[in-house]
């Protein structure tokens, strides 16, 4: 299940939000773990997050895509 973003920055912002709410070490102790899932480049040039395990609000839940075609070489 994916959320789709027009920009890499918007996808990172949402991934950061989830990482902070989960209390990952990057946000609490200067550790390495920052995100539950990293933003991935989609085949159409948009950015997607696999949000299958995220806490989503009602708007986000209604905006998810069940699948999304990823680019061959996903990068952040």
C-alpha atoms as a PDB file:
ATOM      1  CA  UNK A   1       0.000   0.000   0.000  1.00  0.00           C
ATOM      2  CA  UNK A   2       1.558   3.269  -1.126  1.00  0.00           C
ATOM      3  CA  UNK A   3       1.210   7.002  -0.683  1.00  0.00           C
ATOM      4  CA  UNK A   4       2.269   8.929  -3.787  1.00  0.00           C
ATOM      5  CA  UNK A   5       4.115  12.264  -3.720  1.00  0.00           C
ATOM      6  CA  UNK A   6       5.080  14.711  -6.452  1.00  0.00           C
ATOM      7  CA  UNK A   7       8.492  15.409  -4.909  1.00  0.00           C
ATOM      8  CA  UNK A   8      11.197  13.529  -3.068  1.00  0.00           C
ATOM      9  CA  UNK A   9      11.137  16.185  -0.341  1.00  0.00           C
ATOM     10  CA  UNK A  10       7.438  15.625   0.369  1.00  0.00           C
ATOM     11  CA  UNK A  11       7.963  11.861   0.624  1.00  0.00           C
ATOM     12  CA  UNK A  12      10.935  12.354   2.958  1.00  0.00           C
ATOM     13  CA  UNK A  13       8.884  14.704   5.122  1.00  0.00           C
ATOM     14  CA  UNK A  14       6.222  12.002   5.618  1.00  0.00           C
ATOM     15  CA  UNK A  15       8.829   9.283   6.228  1.00  0.00           C
ATOM     16  CA  UNK A  16      10.474  11.578   8.814  1.00  0.00           C
ATOM     17  CA  UNK A  17       7.122  12.127  10.530  1.00  0.00           C
ATOM     18  CA  UNK A  18       6.624   8.384  10.919  1.00  0.00           C
ATOM     19  CA  UNK A  19      10.193   7.859  12.117  1.00  0.00           C
ATOM     20  CA  UNK A  20       9.802  10.549  14.788  1.00  0.00           C
ATOM     21  CA  UNK A  21       6.472   9.154  15.978  1.00  0.00           C
ATOM     22  CA  UNK A  22       8.038   5.691  16.269  1.00  0.00           C
ATOM     23  CA  UNK A  23      10.897   7.123  18.342  1.00  0.00           C
ATOM     24  CA  UNK A  24      13.648   5.840  16.059  1.00  0.00           C
ATOM     25  CA  UNK A  25      17.209   6.428  17.236  1.00  0.00           C
ATOM     26  CA  UNK A  26      17.938   9.016  14.535  1.00  0.00           C
ATOM     27  CA  UNK A  27      15.419  11.301  16.237  1.00  0.00           C
ATOM     28  CA  UNK A  28      16.078  10.461  19.878  1.00  0.00           C
ATOM     29  CA  UNK A  29      19.704   9.497  20.368  1.00  0.00           C
ATOM     30  CA  UNK A  30      21.575  10.490  17.238  1.00  0.00           C
ATOM     31  CA  UNK A  31      21.404   6.911  15.982  1.00  0.00           C
ATOM     32  CA  UNK A  32      21.138   5.561  12.484  1.00  0.00           C
ATOM     33  CA  UNK A  33      17.545   4.346  12.048  1.00  0.00           C
ATOM     34  CA  UNK A  34      15.513   7.210  10.591  1.00  0.00           C
ATOM     35  CA  UNK A  35      12.586   5.697   8.648  1.00  0.00           C
ATOM     36  CA  UNK A  36      10.265   2.716   8.758  1.00  0.00           C
ATOM     37  CA  UNK A  37      10.332   2.713   4.934  1.00  0.00           C
ATOM     38  CA  UNK A  38      12.375   4.903   2.628  1.00  0.00           C
ATOM     39  CA  UNK A  39      10.956   6.965  -0.232  1.00  0.00           C
ATOM     40  CA  UNK A  40      11.243   5.188  -3.579  1.00  0.00           C
ATOM     41  CA  UNK A  41      11.291   6.652  -7.056  1.00  0.00           C
ATOM     42  CA  UNK A  42       8.356   5.477  -9.153  1.00  0.00           C
ATOM     43  CA  UNK A  43       8.476   4.665 -12.852  1.00  0.00           C
ATOM     44  CA  UNK A  44       6.414   7.791 -13.605  1.00  0.00           C
ATOM     45  CA  UNK A  45       8.885  10.092 -11.810  1.00  0.00           C
ATOM     46  CA  UNK A  46       6.792  10.515  -8.679  1.00  0.00           C
ATOM     47  CA  UNK A  47       7.916   9.381  -5.230  1.00  0.00           C
ATOM     48  CA  UNK A  48       6.167   6.704  -3.188  1.00  0.00           C
ATOM     49  CA  UNK A  49       6.243   5.339   0.347  1.00  0.00           C
ATOM     50  CA  UNK A  50       5.224   1.838   1.295  1.00  0.00           C
ATOM     51  CA  UNK A  51       2.883   2.729   4.151  1.00  0.00           C
ATOM     52  CA  UNK A  52       1.554  -0.749   4.899  1.00  0.00           C
ATOM     53  CA  UNK A  53       2.756  -0.485   8.517  1.00  0.00           C
ATOM     54  CA  UNK A  54       2.270   3.280   8.993  1.00  0.00           C
ATOM     55  CA  UNK A  55      -0.267   4.976  11.232  1.00  0.00           C
ATOM     56  CA  UNK A  56      -2.398   6.770   8.638  1.00  0.00           C
ATOM     57  CA  UNK A  57      -5.013   9.429   9.180  1.00  0.00           C
ATOM     58  CA  UNK A  58      -8.358   9.275   7.389  1.00  0.00           C
ATOM     59  CA  UNK A  59      -7.217  11.435   4.470  1.00  0.00           C
ATOM     60  CA  UNK A  60      -4.082   9.352   3.953  1.00  0.00           C
ATOM     61  CA  UNK A  61      -6.062   6.108   4.147  1.00  0.00           C
ATOM     62  CA  UNK A  62      -8.330   7.293   1.355  1.00  0.00           C
ATOM     63  CA  UNK A  63      -5.314   8.352  -0.750  1.00  0.00           C
ATOM     64  CA  UNK A  64      -3.380   5.079  -0.772  1.00  0.00           C
ATOM     65  CA  UNK A  65      -2.659   3.043  -3.876  1.00  0.00           C
ATOM     66  CA  UNK A  66      -2.610  -0.754  -3.463  1.00  0.00           C
ATOM     67  CA  UNK A  67       0.356  -1.098  -5.856  1.00  0.00           C
ATOM     68  CA  UNK A  68       2.663   1.248  -7.725  1.00  0.00           C
ATOM     69  CA  UNK A  69       5.287   0.644 -10.391  1.00  0.00           C
ATOM     70  CA  UNK A  70       8.742   1.494  -9.060  1.00  0.00           C
ATOM     71  CA  UNK A  71      11.692   2.743 -11.092  1.00  0.00           C
ATOM     72  CA  UNK A  72      14.323   0.133 -11.885  1.00  0.00           C
ATOM     73  CA  UNK A  73      16.975   1.729  -9.681  1.00  0.00           C
ATOM     74  CA  UNK A  74      15.231   3.329  -6.673  1.00  0.00           C
ATOM     75  CA  UNK A  75      17.285   6.000  -4.904  1.00  0.00           C
ATOM     76  CA  UNK A  76      16.752   8.558  -2.178  1.00  0.00           C
END
